[in-house]
N, C-alpha and C. Protein backbone atom coordinates (compact mmCIF):
# COMPACT_ATOMS: atom_id res chain seq x y z
N MET A 1 0.84 -1.15 0.00
CA MET A 1 0.00 0.00 0.00
C MET A 1 0.90 1.23 0.00
N HIS A 2 0.41 2.27 -0.61
CA HIS A 2 1.17 3.51 -0.76
C HIS A 2 0.35 4.64 -0.14
N VAL A 3 0.90 5.34 0.83
CA VAL A 3 0.23 6.49 1.46
C VAL A 3 1.08 7.72 1.16
N GLU A 4 0.46 8.70 0.51
CA GLU A 4 1.21 9.90 0.16
C GLU A 4 0.29 11.12 0.21
N PHE A 5 0.78 12.19 0.83
CA PHE A 5 0.04 13.45 0.89
C PHE A 5 1.01 14.55 1.27
N THR A 6 0.55 15.79 1.18
CA THR A 6 1.36 16.95 1.57
C THR A 6 0.55 17.81 2.53
N VAL A 7 1.20 18.24 3.59
CA VAL A 7 0.59 19.16 4.57
C VAL A 7 1.34 20.48 4.46
N SER A 8 0.59 21.58 4.49
CA SER A 8 1.24 22.88 4.41
C SER A 8 0.54 23.90 5.31
N ASP A 9 1.31 24.89 5.75
CA ASP A 9 0.77 26.00 6.54
C ASP A 9 1.72 27.18 6.36
N GLN A 10 1.19 28.31 5.96
CA GLN A 10 2.05 29.46 5.67
C GLN A 10 2.77 30.00 6.90
N ASP A 11 2.23 29.77 8.10
CA ASP A 11 2.87 30.24 9.33
C ASP A 11 3.83 29.22 9.93
N GLY A 12 3.82 28.01 9.43
CA GLY A 12 4.71 26.97 9.94
C GLY A 12 3.97 25.93 10.75
N LEU A 13 4.28 24.68 10.50
CA LEU A 13 3.67 23.58 11.24
C LEU A 13 4.30 23.43 12.61
N HIS A 14 3.52 22.91 13.53
CA HIS A 14 4.00 22.66 14.89
C HIS A 14 4.03 21.15 15.17
N ALA A 15 2.98 20.44 14.74
CA ALA A 15 2.91 19.00 15.01
C ALA A 15 2.08 18.32 13.93
N LEU A 16 2.37 17.03 13.70
CA LEU A 16 1.64 16.23 12.74
C LEU A 16 1.57 14.81 13.26
N SER A 17 0.40 14.21 13.20
CA SER A 17 0.28 12.80 13.56
C SER A 17 -0.50 12.07 12.48
N ILE A 18 -0.05 10.85 12.19
CA ILE A 18 -0.63 10.03 11.13
C ILE A 18 -0.88 8.65 11.72
N THR A 19 -2.14 8.19 11.62
CA THR A 19 -2.50 6.88 12.14
C THR A 19 -3.28 6.14 11.08
N LEU A 20 -2.93 4.86 10.87
CA LEU A 20 -3.65 4.00 9.94
C LEU A 20 -4.15 2.80 10.72
N LEU A 21 -5.46 2.59 10.70
CA LEU A 21 -6.08 1.48 11.41
C LEU A 21 -6.69 0.49 10.43
N ARG A 22 -6.63 -0.80 10.81
CA ARG A 22 -7.32 -1.85 10.05
C ARG A 22 -8.46 -2.36 10.91
N ASN A 23 -9.64 -2.39 10.34
CA ASN A 23 -10.84 -2.87 11.03
C ASN A 23 -11.05 -2.16 12.37
N ALA A 24 -10.70 -0.89 12.43
CA ALA A 24 -10.93 0.01 13.58
C ALA A 24 -10.15 -0.35 14.84
N THR A 25 -9.38 -1.43 14.84
CA THR A 25 -8.68 -1.83 16.07
C THR A 25 -7.19 -2.10 15.90
N ASP A 26 -6.78 -2.53 14.72
CA ASP A 26 -5.39 -2.94 14.49
C ASP A 26 -4.60 -1.75 13.93
N THR A 27 -3.67 -1.23 14.73
CA THR A 27 -2.87 -0.08 14.30
C THR A 27 -1.75 -0.55 13.38
N LEU A 28 -1.80 -0.09 12.13
CA LEU A 28 -0.79 -0.45 11.14
C LEU A 28 0.32 0.59 11.04
N LEU A 29 -0.02 1.84 11.37
CA LEU A 29 0.94 2.93 11.27
C LEU A 29 0.54 3.99 12.29
N ASN A 30 1.53 4.47 13.04
CA ASN A 30 1.29 5.53 14.03
C ASN A 30 2.60 6.31 14.14
N VAL A 31 2.67 7.44 13.43
CA VAL A 31 3.90 8.22 13.39
C VAL A 31 3.62 9.69 13.64
N GLN A 32 4.63 10.36 14.18
CA GLN A 32 4.60 11.80 14.40
C GLN A 32 5.90 12.37 13.83
N PRO A 33 5.90 12.63 12.52
CA PRO A 33 7.14 13.12 11.90
C PRO A 33 7.53 14.50 12.43
N ALA A 34 8.81 14.80 12.35
CA ALA A 34 9.33 16.11 12.78
C ALA A 34 8.96 17.15 11.73
N VAL A 35 8.03 18.05 12.08
CA VAL A 35 7.57 19.06 11.13
C VAL A 35 7.75 20.49 11.65
N MET A 36 8.33 20.64 12.82
CA MET A 36 8.46 21.95 13.46
C MET A 36 9.00 23.00 12.50
N ASP A 37 8.23 24.09 12.36
CA ASP A 37 8.58 25.26 11.56
C ASP A 37 8.56 25.05 10.04
N LYS A 38 8.24 23.86 9.58
CA LYS A 38 8.16 23.64 8.13
C LYS A 38 6.86 24.22 7.60
N THR A 39 6.92 24.85 6.45
CA THR A 39 5.70 25.37 5.83
C THR A 39 5.08 24.35 4.87
N VAL A 40 5.88 23.40 4.42
CA VAL A 40 5.40 22.31 3.56
C VAL A 40 6.06 21.02 4.03
N PHE A 41 5.24 19.96 4.16
CA PHE A 41 5.80 18.67 4.55
C PHE A 41 5.17 17.57 3.69
N PRO A 42 5.96 16.96 2.79
CA PRO A 42 5.44 15.84 1.99
C PRO A 42 5.61 14.53 2.77
N PHE A 43 4.56 13.71 2.82
CA PHE A 43 4.62 12.42 3.49
C PHE A 43 4.49 11.34 2.43
N HIS A 44 5.36 10.34 2.49
CA HIS A 44 5.40 9.26 1.51
C HIS A 44 5.79 7.99 2.26
N HIS A 45 4.92 7.00 2.25
CA HIS A 45 5.19 5.78 3.01
C HIS A 45 4.62 4.57 2.27
N HIS A 46 5.40 3.49 2.23
CA HIS A 46 4.94 2.23 1.65
C HIS A 46 4.75 1.22 2.78
N LEU A 47 3.70 0.44 2.68
CA LEU A 47 3.36 -0.51 3.71
C LEU A 47 2.85 -1.78 3.05
N THR A 48 3.32 -2.93 3.52
CA THR A 48 2.83 -4.21 3.02
C THR A 48 1.89 -4.80 4.05
N LEU A 49 0.66 -5.05 3.63
CA LEU A 49 -0.33 -5.65 4.53
C LEU A 49 -0.17 -7.16 4.54
N SER A 50 -0.27 -7.75 5.71
CA SER A 50 -0.22 -9.20 5.82
C SER A 50 -1.54 -9.70 6.39
N GLY A 51 -1.85 -10.93 6.11
CA GLY A 51 -3.05 -11.54 6.68
C GLY A 51 -4.35 -11.02 6.11
N VAL A 52 -4.32 -10.52 4.89
CA VAL A 52 -5.55 -10.03 4.27
C VAL A 52 -6.21 -11.21 3.56
N SER A 53 -7.34 -11.69 4.11
CA SER A 53 -8.01 -12.85 3.52
C SER A 53 -9.37 -12.46 2.94
N GLY A 54 -9.82 -11.29 3.21
CA GLY A 54 -11.09 -10.79 2.67
C GLY A 54 -11.03 -9.27 2.67
N VAL A 55 -12.13 -8.65 2.34
CA VAL A 55 -12.17 -7.20 2.32
C VAL A 55 -12.01 -6.66 3.74
N GLN A 56 -11.10 -5.72 3.92
CA GLN A 56 -10.86 -5.12 5.22
C GLN A 56 -10.96 -3.60 5.13
N THR A 57 -11.58 -3.01 6.13
CA THR A 57 -11.73 -1.56 6.18
C THR A 57 -10.47 -0.94 6.77
N LEU A 58 -9.95 0.07 6.10
CA LEU A 58 -8.78 0.81 6.58
C LEU A 58 -9.20 2.27 6.79
N GLN A 59 -8.69 2.87 7.86
CA GLN A 59 -8.97 4.26 8.16
C GLN A 59 -7.66 4.99 8.38
N LEU A 60 -7.48 6.09 7.66
CA LEU A 60 -6.31 6.93 7.79
C LEU A 60 -6.73 8.22 8.49
N PHE A 61 -6.05 8.55 9.60
CA PHE A 61 -6.32 9.76 10.36
C PHE A 61 -5.09 10.66 10.30
N ILE A 62 -5.30 11.90 9.87
CA ILE A 62 -4.21 12.88 9.80
C ILE A 62 -4.61 14.06 10.67
N ARG A 63 -3.71 14.48 11.56
CA ARG A 63 -3.96 15.64 12.42
C ARG A 63 -2.74 16.56 12.34
N ALA A 64 -2.98 17.78 11.89
CA ALA A 64 -1.90 18.76 11.77
C ALA A 64 -2.23 19.98 12.62
N GLU A 65 -1.19 20.53 13.26
CA GLU A 65 -1.35 21.71 14.12
C GLU A 65 -0.28 22.73 13.75
N ASN A 66 -0.68 24.01 13.71
CA ASN A 66 0.30 25.05 13.42
C ASN A 66 0.69 25.77 14.71
N HIS A 67 1.53 26.78 14.60
CA HIS A 67 2.04 27.49 15.78
C HIS A 67 0.97 28.30 16.51
N ALA A 68 -0.12 28.62 15.83
CA ALA A 68 -1.22 29.36 16.47
C ALA A 68 -2.22 28.41 17.12
N SER A 69 -1.87 27.14 17.23
CA SER A 69 -2.71 26.09 17.81
C SER A 69 -3.96 25.79 16.99
N PHE A 70 -3.96 26.19 15.70
CA PHE A 70 -5.04 25.81 14.81
C PHE A 70 -4.82 24.36 14.40
N VAL A 71 -5.86 23.54 14.53
CA VAL A 71 -5.76 22.11 14.24
C VAL A 71 -6.66 21.77 13.06
N SER A 72 -6.12 21.00 12.15
CA SER A 72 -6.89 20.49 11.02
C SER A 72 -6.79 18.98 11.03
N THR A 73 -7.92 18.32 10.83
CA THR A 73 -7.93 16.86 10.81
C THR A 73 -8.57 16.37 9.52
N GLN A 74 -8.14 15.19 9.12
CA GLN A 74 -8.70 14.55 7.93
C GLN A 74 -8.80 13.06 8.21
N GLU A 75 -9.93 12.47 7.87
CA GLU A 75 -10.11 11.04 8.00
C GLU A 75 -10.53 10.48 6.64
N VAL A 76 -9.83 9.42 6.21
CA VAL A 76 -10.13 8.80 4.93
C VAL A 76 -10.35 7.32 5.20
N THR A 77 -11.49 6.81 4.76
CA THR A 77 -11.80 5.38 4.88
C THR A 77 -11.70 4.74 3.50
N PHE A 78 -11.00 3.61 3.43
CA PHE A 78 -10.88 2.88 2.18
C PHE A 78 -10.79 1.39 2.49
N TYR A 79 -10.71 0.56 1.47
CA TYR A 79 -10.79 -0.88 1.65
C TYR A 79 -9.62 -1.59 0.99
N ALA A 80 -9.18 -2.68 1.61
CA ALA A 80 -8.13 -3.53 1.06
C ALA A 80 -8.71 -4.92 0.85
N GLN A 81 -8.26 -5.55 -0.21
CA GLN A 81 -8.67 -6.92 -0.46
C GLN A 81 -7.50 -7.70 -1.04
N PRO A 82 -7.53 -9.02 -0.89
CA PRO A 82 -6.40 -9.82 -1.39
C PRO A 82 -6.27 -9.78 -2.90
């Protein structure tokens, strides 16, 4: 699986967290990349899923915060199958 996106803020990012869940309980990815003071941050990650025997629901949660404590969140639900 390929996860790629870009986060930007003209005043500078303070924090970023990325979580990928399988079937709402199994954490496949949980990272907090170093984004302090960056105005643009590209995220690019490859992940190989194991144990996929049928259709599985995946949820990607992205939370970004800037220096003014403004928080933006995004949730994307998609499906994986063998």
